[in-house]
N, C-alpha and C. Protein backbone atom coordinates (compact mmCIF):
# COMPACT_ATOMS: atom_id res chain seq x y z
N UNK A 1 -70.57 56.01 21.47
CA UNK A 1 -69.45 55.09 21.48
C UNK A 1 -69.58 54.18 22.71
N UNK A 2 -69.08 52.99 22.54
CA UNK A 2 -69.10 52.06 23.66
C UNK A 2 -67.94 52.36 24.61
N UNK A 3 -68.02 51.84 25.80
CA UNK A 3 -66.98 52.12 26.79
C UNK A 3 -65.64 51.52 26.39
N UNK A 4 -65.63 50.42 25.67
CA UNK A 4 -64.38 49.81 25.22
C UNK A 4 -63.63 50.70 24.24
N UNK A 5 -64.34 51.36 23.36
CA UNK A 5 -63.72 52.25 22.38
C UNK A 5 -63.15 53.48 23.10
N UNK A 6 -63.87 54.00 24.08
CA UNK A 6 -63.40 55.16 24.83
C UNK A 6 -62.11 54.81 25.58
N UNK A 7 -62.05 53.63 26.19
CA UNK A 7 -60.85 53.20 26.90
C UNK A 7 -59.70 53.03 25.93
N UNK A 8 -59.96 52.45 24.76
CA UNK A 8 -58.92 52.26 23.75
C UNK A 8 -58.36 53.59 23.27
N UNK A 9 -59.22 54.55 23.00
CA UNK A 9 -58.77 55.86 22.53
C UNK A 9 -58.01 56.58 23.64
N UNK A 10 -58.50 56.52 24.86
CA UNK A 10 -57.81 57.17 25.98
C UNK A 10 -56.42 56.57 26.20
N UNK A 11 -56.32 55.26 26.14
CA UNK A 11 -55.02 54.60 26.32
C UNK A 11 -54.06 54.97 25.20
N UNK A 12 -54.57 55.05 23.98
CA UNK A 12 -53.72 55.42 22.84
C UNK A 12 -53.21 56.85 22.96
N UNK A 13 -54.07 57.76 23.35
CA UNK A 13 -53.66 59.16 23.51
C UNK A 13 -52.62 59.27 24.62
N UNK A 14 -52.82 58.57 25.73
CA UNK A 14 -51.88 58.60 26.84
C UNK A 14 -50.52 58.02 26.43
N UNK A 15 -50.54 56.92 25.68
CA UNK A 15 -49.29 56.31 25.23
C UNK A 15 -48.55 57.22 24.25
N UNK A 16 -49.26 57.88 23.36
CA UNK A 16 -48.63 58.81 22.42
C UNK A 16 -48.03 60.01 23.15
N UNK A 17 -48.74 60.52 24.15
CA UNK A 17 -48.22 61.67 24.91
C UNK A 17 -46.97 61.28 25.68
N UNK A 18 -46.96 60.11 26.31
CA UNK A 18 -45.79 59.65 27.04
C UNK A 18 -44.61 59.40 26.09
N UNK A 19 -44.88 58.82 24.94
CA UNK A 19 -43.82 58.59 23.95
C UNK A 19 -43.23 59.89 23.43
N UNK A 20 -44.07 60.88 23.18
CA UNK A 20 -43.58 62.18 22.71
C UNK A 20 -42.73 62.86 23.78
N UNK A 21 -43.14 62.74 25.05
CA UNK A 21 -42.35 63.33 26.14
C UNK A 21 -40.99 62.65 26.24
N UNK A 22 -40.95 61.31 26.18
CA UNK A 22 -39.68 60.59 26.26
C UNK A 22 -38.78 60.92 25.07
N UNK A 23 -39.36 61.05 23.89
CA UNK A 23 -38.59 61.39 22.71
C UNK A 23 -37.95 62.77 22.85
N UNK A 24 -38.67 63.68 23.47
CA UNK A 24 -38.15 65.03 23.64
C UNK A 24 -37.12 65.17 24.74
N UNK A 25 -37.12 64.27 25.72
CA UNK A 25 -36.21 64.43 26.85
C UNK A 25 -35.04 63.46 26.85
N UNK A 26 -35.11 62.35 26.18
CA UNK A 26 -34.00 61.38 26.18
C UNK A 26 -32.77 61.97 25.51
N UNK A 27 -31.63 61.82 26.17
CA UNK A 27 -30.36 62.24 25.61
C UNK A 27 -30.05 63.71 25.78
N UNK A 28 -30.96 64.48 26.33
CA UNK A 28 -30.72 65.91 26.53
C UNK A 28 -29.96 66.14 27.82
N UNK A 29 -28.95 66.98 27.75
CA UNK A 29 -28.16 67.29 28.93
C UNK A 29 -28.85 68.40 29.71
N UNK A 30 -28.85 68.23 31.02
CA UNK A 30 -29.39 69.25 31.90
C UNK A 30 -28.29 69.69 32.85
N UNK A 31 -28.60 70.65 33.69
CA UNK A 31 -27.61 71.15 34.64
C UNK A 31 -27.28 70.12 35.70
N UNK A 32 -26.54 70.53 36.69
CA UNK A 32 -26.09 69.62 37.73
C UNK A 32 -27.25 69.20 38.61
N UNK A 33 -27.08 68.07 39.26
CA UNK A 33 -28.07 67.51 40.16
C UNK A 33 -27.47 67.41 41.55
N UNK A 34 -28.31 67.12 42.50
CA UNK A 34 -27.82 66.86 43.85
C UNK A 34 -27.22 65.46 43.88
N UNK A 35 -26.09 65.34 44.52
CA UNK A 35 -25.41 64.05 44.62
C UNK A 35 -25.23 63.75 46.09
N UNK A 36 -25.48 62.51 46.49
CA UNK A 36 -25.38 62.15 47.89
C UNK A 36 -23.95 62.13 48.36
N UNK A 37 -23.76 62.40 49.63
CA UNK A 37 -22.43 62.35 50.21
C UNK A 37 -21.97 60.91 50.33
N UNK A 38 -20.67 60.73 50.48
CA UNK A 38 -20.13 59.38 50.60
C UNK A 38 -20.59 58.74 51.90
N UNK A 39 -20.42 57.41 52.02
CA UNK A 39 -20.92 56.66 53.16
C UNK A 39 -20.29 57.10 54.47
N UNK A 40 -19.08 57.64 54.47
CA UNK A 40 -18.40 58.06 55.68
C UNK A 40 -18.86 59.41 56.19
N UNK A 41 -19.77 60.05 55.53
CA UNK A 41 -20.22 61.38 55.91
C UNK A 41 -21.17 61.31 57.10
N UNK A 42 -21.16 62.36 57.93
CA UNK A 42 -22.04 62.42 59.09
C UNK A 42 -23.45 62.86 58.71
N UNK A 43 -23.60 63.52 57.57
CA UNK A 43 -24.89 64.05 57.18
C UNK A 43 -25.64 63.04 56.34
N UNK A 44 -26.96 62.92 56.57
CA UNK A 44 -27.79 62.01 55.79
C UNK A 44 -28.47 62.72 54.63
N UNK A 45 -28.50 64.05 54.66
CA UNK A 45 -29.16 64.77 53.59
C UNK A 45 -28.23 64.90 52.39
N UNK A 46 -28.71 65.54 51.36
CA UNK A 46 -27.93 65.67 50.14
C UNK A 46 -27.21 66.99 50.13
N UNK A 47 -26.16 67.06 49.34
CA UNK A 47 -25.36 68.28 49.21
C UNK A 47 -25.36 68.71 47.77
N UNK A 48 -25.03 69.94 47.47
CA UNK A 48 -24.95 70.39 46.09
C UNK A 48 -23.89 69.61 45.33
N UNK A 49 -24.02 69.58 44.03
CA UNK A 49 -23.12 68.77 43.20
C UNK A 49 -21.68 69.24 43.28
N UNK A 50 -21.42 70.47 43.74
CA UNK A 50 -20.06 70.96 43.83
C UNK A 50 -19.30 70.31 44.99
N UNK A 51 -20.01 69.82 45.99
CA UNK A 51 -19.37 69.27 47.18
C UNK A 51 -18.97 67.80 47.07
N UNK A 52 -19.71 66.94 46.36
CA UNK A 52 -19.43 65.52 46.41
C UNK A 52 -18.14 65.14 45.70
N UNK A 53 -17.60 64.02 46.08
CA UNK A 53 -16.31 63.57 45.55
C UNK A 53 -16.46 62.80 44.24
N UNK A 54 -16.78 63.49 43.15
CA UNK A 54 -16.91 62.81 41.87
C UNK A 54 -15.61 62.17 41.44
N UNK A 55 -14.51 62.87 41.65
CA UNK A 55 -13.20 62.33 41.27
C UNK A 55 -12.85 61.10 42.09
N UNK A 56 -13.17 61.14 43.39
CA UNK A 56 -12.86 60.00 44.24
C UNK A 56 -13.66 58.77 43.85
N UNK A 57 -14.94 58.98 43.45
CA UNK A 57 -15.75 57.84 43.04
C UNK A 57 -15.23 57.22 41.76
N UNK A 58 -14.80 58.05 40.83
CA UNK A 58 -14.29 57.53 39.57
C UNK A 58 -12.98 56.78 39.80
N UNK A 59 -12.09 57.35 40.60
CA UNK A 59 -10.83 56.65 40.85
C UNK A 59 -11.03 55.42 41.72
N UNK A 60 -12.10 55.40 42.53
CA UNK A 60 -12.38 54.22 43.36
C UNK A 60 -12.74 53.01 42.52
N UNK A 61 -13.30 53.23 41.33
CA UNK A 61 -13.62 52.10 40.46
C UNK A 61 -12.49 51.81 39.48
N UNK A 62 -11.33 52.43 39.72
CA UNK A 62 -10.14 52.11 38.94
C UNK A 62 -10.00 52.86 37.64
N UNK A 63 -10.58 54.03 37.52
CA UNK A 63 -10.51 54.82 36.30
C UNK A 63 -9.79 56.13 36.57
N UNK A 64 -9.33 56.79 35.51
CA UNK A 64 -8.61 58.04 35.61
C UNK A 64 -9.43 59.14 34.94
N UNK A 65 -9.47 60.31 35.56
CA UNK A 65 -10.17 61.45 34.98
C UNK A 65 -9.40 62.04 33.81
N UNK A 66 -10.12 62.67 32.89
CA UNK A 66 -9.48 63.36 31.79
C UNK A 66 -8.87 64.66 32.24
N UNK A 67 -7.93 65.19 31.47
CA UNK A 67 -7.27 66.45 31.82
C UNK A 67 -8.23 67.63 31.75
N UNK A 68 -9.13 67.62 30.78
CA UNK A 68 -10.07 68.73 30.59
C UNK A 68 -11.46 68.38 31.12
N UNK A 69 -11.93 67.18 30.81
CA UNK A 69 -13.26 66.75 31.23
C UNK A 69 -13.33 65.22 31.15
N UNK A 70 -14.35 64.68 31.79
CA UNK A 70 -14.57 63.24 31.78
C UNK A 70 -16.03 62.98 31.44
N UNK A 71 -16.25 62.09 30.48
CA UNK A 71 -17.59 61.66 30.13
C UNK A 71 -17.83 60.35 30.88
N UNK A 72 -18.58 60.41 31.94
CA UNK A 72 -18.83 59.27 32.82
C UNK A 72 -20.14 58.63 32.41
N UNK A 73 -20.08 57.40 31.90
CA UNK A 73 -21.26 56.70 31.43
C UNK A 73 -21.61 55.56 32.38
N UNK A 74 -22.83 55.58 32.89
CA UNK A 74 -23.35 54.47 33.69
C UNK A 74 -24.18 53.60 32.77
N UNK A 75 -23.83 52.32 32.69
CA UNK A 75 -24.54 51.42 31.80
C UNK A 75 -24.77 50.09 32.49
N UNK A 76 -25.49 49.22 31.82
CA UNK A 76 -25.73 47.87 32.32
C UNK A 76 -25.56 46.89 31.16
N UNK A 77 -25.47 45.62 31.50
CA UNK A 77 -25.12 44.60 30.51
C UNK A 77 -26.19 44.43 29.43
N UNK A 78 -27.45 44.55 29.78
CA UNK A 78 -28.51 44.27 28.82
C UNK A 78 -29.19 45.54 28.31
N UNK A 79 -28.45 46.61 28.23
CA UNK A 79 -28.98 47.91 27.82
C UNK A 79 -28.57 48.17 26.37
N UNK A 80 -29.54 48.15 25.46
CA UNK A 80 -29.24 48.38 24.04
C UNK A 80 -28.78 49.81 23.76
N UNK A 81 -29.43 50.85 24.32
CA UNK A 81 -28.95 52.22 24.07
C UNK A 81 -27.57 52.48 24.65
N UNK A 82 -27.14 51.66 25.62
CA UNK A 82 -25.81 51.85 26.21
C UNK A 82 -24.71 51.63 25.17
N UNK A 83 -24.93 50.72 24.25
CA UNK A 83 -23.92 50.46 23.21
C UNK A 83 -23.78 51.65 22.28
N UNK A 84 -24.90 52.25 21.91
CA UNK A 84 -24.86 53.43 21.05
C UNK A 84 -24.22 54.60 21.79
N UNK A 85 -24.52 54.74 23.07
CA UNK A 85 -23.92 55.80 23.88
C UNK A 85 -22.42 55.60 24.00
N UNK A 86 -21.99 54.36 24.20
CA UNK A 86 -20.56 54.04 24.29
C UNK A 86 -19.84 54.46 23.02
N UNK A 87 -20.45 54.18 21.87
CA UNK A 87 -19.85 54.54 20.58
C UNK A 87 -19.74 56.05 20.43
N UNK A 88 -20.81 56.78 20.75
CA UNK A 88 -20.82 58.24 20.60
C UNK A 88 -19.81 58.87 21.54
N UNK A 89 -19.80 58.45 22.80
CA UNK A 89 -18.88 59.05 23.78
C UNK A 89 -17.43 58.72 23.44
N UNK A 90 -17.17 57.51 22.92
CA UNK A 90 -15.83 57.15 22.49
C UNK A 90 -15.35 58.02 21.34
N UNK A 91 -16.25 58.30 20.38
CA UNK A 91 -15.90 59.17 19.26
C UNK A 91 -15.57 60.58 19.74
N UNK A 92 -16.38 61.11 20.65
CA UNK A 92 -16.16 62.45 21.15
C UNK A 92 -14.85 62.52 21.94
N UNK A 93 -14.59 61.51 22.75
CA UNK A 93 -13.34 61.49 23.52
C UNK A 93 -12.14 61.42 22.59
N UNK A 94 -12.28 60.77 21.44
CA UNK A 94 -11.20 60.73 20.47
C UNK A 94 -11.03 62.04 19.72
N UNK A 95 -12.11 62.80 19.56
CA UNK A 95 -12.05 64.07 18.83
C UNK A 95 -11.51 65.22 19.67
N UNK A 96 -11.87 65.26 20.94
CA UNK A 96 -11.54 66.40 21.80
C UNK A 96 -10.37 66.03 22.70
N UNK A 97 -9.32 66.81 22.63
CA UNK A 97 -8.13 66.56 23.47
C UNK A 97 -8.45 66.79 24.94
N UNK A 98 -7.91 65.93 25.79
CA UNK A 98 -8.06 66.08 27.23
C UNK A 98 -9.37 65.56 27.79
N UNK A 99 -10.16 64.88 26.96
CA UNK A 99 -11.44 64.34 27.40
C UNK A 99 -11.33 62.82 27.47
N UNK A 100 -11.74 62.26 28.60
CA UNK A 100 -11.71 60.81 28.79
C UNK A 100 -13.13 60.28 28.86
N UNK A 101 -13.32 59.07 28.35
CA UNK A 101 -14.61 58.39 28.44
C UNK A 101 -14.45 57.25 29.44
N UNK A 102 -15.24 57.29 30.51
CA UNK A 102 -15.19 56.26 31.54
C UNK A 102 -16.56 55.61 31.60
N UNK A 103 -16.59 54.29 31.42
CA UNK A 103 -17.85 53.56 31.51
C UNK A 103 -17.87 52.76 32.80
N UNK A 104 -18.95 52.92 33.56
CA UNK A 104 -19.11 52.22 34.83
C UNK A 104 -20.33 51.32 34.73
N UNK A 105 -20.15 50.06 35.07
CA UNK A 105 -21.26 49.12 35.11
C UNK A 105 -22.07 49.41 36.37
N UNK A 106 -23.29 49.87 36.20
CA UNK A 106 -24.11 50.29 37.32
C UNK A 106 -24.42 49.14 38.27
N UNK A 107 -24.46 47.91 37.76
CA UNK A 107 -24.78 46.76 38.60
C UNK A 107 -23.62 46.36 39.50
N UNK A 108 -22.39 46.55 39.03
CA UNK A 108 -21.22 46.12 39.79
C UNK A 108 -20.63 47.21 40.69
N UNK A 109 -20.99 48.44 40.45
CA UNK A 109 -20.48 49.56 41.25
C UNK A 109 -21.66 50.33 41.85
N UNK A 110 -22.33 49.69 42.78
CA UNK A 110 -23.54 50.26 43.37
C UNK A 110 -23.27 51.52 44.18
N UNK A 111 -22.11 51.61 44.82
CA UNK A 111 -21.79 52.81 45.61
C UNK A 111 -21.74 54.04 44.72
N UNK A 112 -21.07 53.94 43.59
CA UNK A 112 -21.00 55.07 42.66
C UNK A 112 -22.37 55.35 42.06
N UNK A 113 -23.12 54.30 41.74
CA UNK A 113 -24.45 54.48 41.18
C UNK A 113 -25.36 55.22 42.14
N UNK A 114 -25.31 54.83 43.41
CA UNK A 114 -26.14 55.50 44.42
C UNK A 114 -25.65 56.92 44.69
N UNK A 115 -24.35 57.10 44.73
CA UNK A 115 -23.80 58.43 45.03
C UNK A 115 -24.18 59.45 43.96
N UNK A 116 -24.21 59.01 42.72
CA UNK A 116 -24.58 59.92 41.63
C UNK A 116 -26.09 59.98 41.41
N UNK A 117 -26.85 59.16 42.11
CA UNK A 117 -28.31 59.18 41.97
C UNK A 117 -28.78 58.67 40.63
N UNK A 118 -28.15 57.63 40.12
CA UNK A 118 -28.49 57.08 38.81
C UNK A 118 -29.74 56.22 38.95
N UNK A 119 -30.77 56.53 38.15
CA UNK A 119 -32.02 55.78 38.20
C UNK A 119 -32.25 54.93 36.97
N UNK A 120 -31.58 55.24 35.86
CA UNK A 120 -31.73 54.42 34.65
C UNK A 120 -30.47 54.50 33.83
N UNK A 121 -30.32 53.52 32.96
CA UNK A 121 -29.16 53.48 32.08
C UNK A 121 -29.64 53.61 30.65
N UNK A 122 -28.85 54.21 29.79
CA UNK A 122 -27.59 54.88 30.06
C UNK A 122 -27.81 56.27 30.64
N UNK A 123 -26.94 56.63 31.55
CA UNK A 123 -26.88 57.99 32.07
C UNK A 123 -25.45 58.47 31.87
N UNK A 124 -25.30 59.62 31.27
CA UNK A 124 -23.99 60.22 31.03
C UNK A 124 -23.84 61.44 31.92
N UNK A 125 -22.76 61.46 32.70
CA UNK A 125 -22.45 62.58 33.57
C UNK A 125 -21.17 63.23 33.05
N UNK A 126 -21.19 64.53 32.84
CA UNK A 126 -20.01 65.26 32.40
C UNK A 126 -19.34 65.85 33.64
N UNK A 127 -18.10 65.45 33.88
CA UNK A 127 -17.31 65.97 35.00
C UNK A 127 -16.25 66.91 34.45
N UNK A 128 -16.00 68.01 35.16
CA UNK A 128 -14.92 68.91 34.74
C UNK A 128 -13.58 68.34 35.18
N UNK A 129 -12.51 69.07 34.98
CA UNK A 129 -11.16 68.57 35.26
C UNK A 129 -10.96 68.23 36.73
N UNK A 130 -11.69 68.91 37.63
CA UNK A 130 -11.54 68.63 39.06
C UNK A 130 -12.47 67.54 39.55
N UNK A 131 -13.34 67.01 38.69
CA UNK A 131 -14.24 65.94 39.07
C UNK A 131 -15.61 66.39 39.52
N UNK A 132 -15.94 67.66 39.28
CA UNK A 132 -17.25 68.18 39.65
C UNK A 132 -18.23 68.00 38.50
N UNK A 133 -19.46 67.65 38.83
CA UNK A 133 -20.48 67.42 37.81
C UNK A 133 -20.89 68.73 37.15
N UNK A 134 -20.88 68.74 35.81
CA UNK A 134 -21.26 69.92 35.05
C UNK A 134 -22.64 69.73 34.44
N UNK A 135 -22.91 68.55 33.90
CA UNK A 135 -24.19 68.26 33.26
C UNK A 135 -24.41 66.76 33.26
N UNK A 136 -25.65 66.35 33.01
CA UNK A 136 -25.97 64.93 32.87
C UNK A 136 -27.12 64.74 31.90
N UNK A 137 -27.16 63.55 31.32
CA UNK A 137 -28.21 63.19 30.39
C UNK A 137 -28.61 61.75 30.63
N UNK A 138 -29.90 61.47 30.56
CA UNK A 138 -30.37 60.10 30.58
C UNK A 138 -30.81 59.76 29.18
N UNK A 139 -30.58 58.54 28.79
CA UNK A 139 -30.86 58.13 27.41
C UNK A 139 -29.61 58.29 26.56
N UNK A 140 -29.76 58.00 25.30
CA UNK A 140 -28.62 58.04 24.38
C UNK A 140 -28.49 59.43 23.75
N UNK A 141 -27.44 60.19 24.10
CA UNK A 141 -27.26 61.52 23.51
C UNK A 141 -26.62 61.43 22.13
N UNK A 142 -26.81 62.49 21.35
CA UNK A 142 -26.15 62.58 20.05
C UNK A 142 -24.77 63.20 20.24
N UNK A 143 -23.95 63.11 19.21
CA UNK A 143 -22.61 63.69 19.29
C UNK A 143 -22.67 65.20 19.48
N UNK A 144 -23.61 65.85 18.82
CA UNK A 144 -23.77 67.29 18.96
C UNK A 144 -24.14 67.67 20.40
N UNK A 145 -25.03 66.91 21.01
CA UNK A 145 -25.42 67.18 22.39
C UNK A 145 -24.25 67.01 23.34
N UNK A 146 -23.41 66.01 23.12
CA UNK A 146 -22.24 65.78 23.98
C UNK A 146 -21.24 66.91 23.81
N UNK A 147 -20.98 67.32 22.57
CA UNK A 147 -20.03 68.42 22.34
C UNK A 147 -20.52 69.72 22.97
N UNK A 148 -21.82 69.97 22.91
CA UNK A 148 -22.38 71.16 23.53
C UNK A 148 -22.21 71.10 25.05
N UNK A 149 -22.43 69.94 25.65
CA UNK A 149 -22.27 69.79 27.10
C UNK A 149 -20.80 69.94 27.50
N UNK A 150 -19.88 69.48 26.65
CA UNK A 150 -18.45 69.62 26.94
C UNK A 150 -18.02 71.08 26.91
N UNK A 151 -18.71 71.88 26.11
CA UNK A 151 -18.37 73.30 26.07
C UNK A 151 -18.60 73.97 27.42
N UNK A 152 -19.52 73.43 28.22
CA UNK A 152 -19.75 73.96 29.56
C UNK A 152 -18.61 73.64 30.52
N UNK A 153 -17.91 72.55 30.25
CA UNK A 153 -16.79 72.17 31.12
C UNK A 153 -15.62 73.01 30.74
């Protein structure tokens, strides 16, 4: 085989492997992550997700937490999967009592985006009634995945 064919086959295999990995991980909820402390904190390192002020960040952007849980969605204006995520999270919030859906524009609320460690949109963070992070997912989750994550809250 010529070197061009080998490069083409190698690139195709690499692209297929990366696509399969993204397909398997997008929209899946995982456990809590480390969240940075607020800007007024004396410490520069990170703290466990139980310590950060998730409720304060949500209320700082003018939103109210749900009585049972909050589905916090970070999105951006030109994000196509964000629209599908908005629809799914809105449906779930309508089905489950005490659950609120809060959408935050990641571009306009950089402090909250940085505090939660958001690297891509859409990212969905499940907060319990006290505002502590229970789970998060990057990509567009399905309704079943969201309901399963809410069961943890």
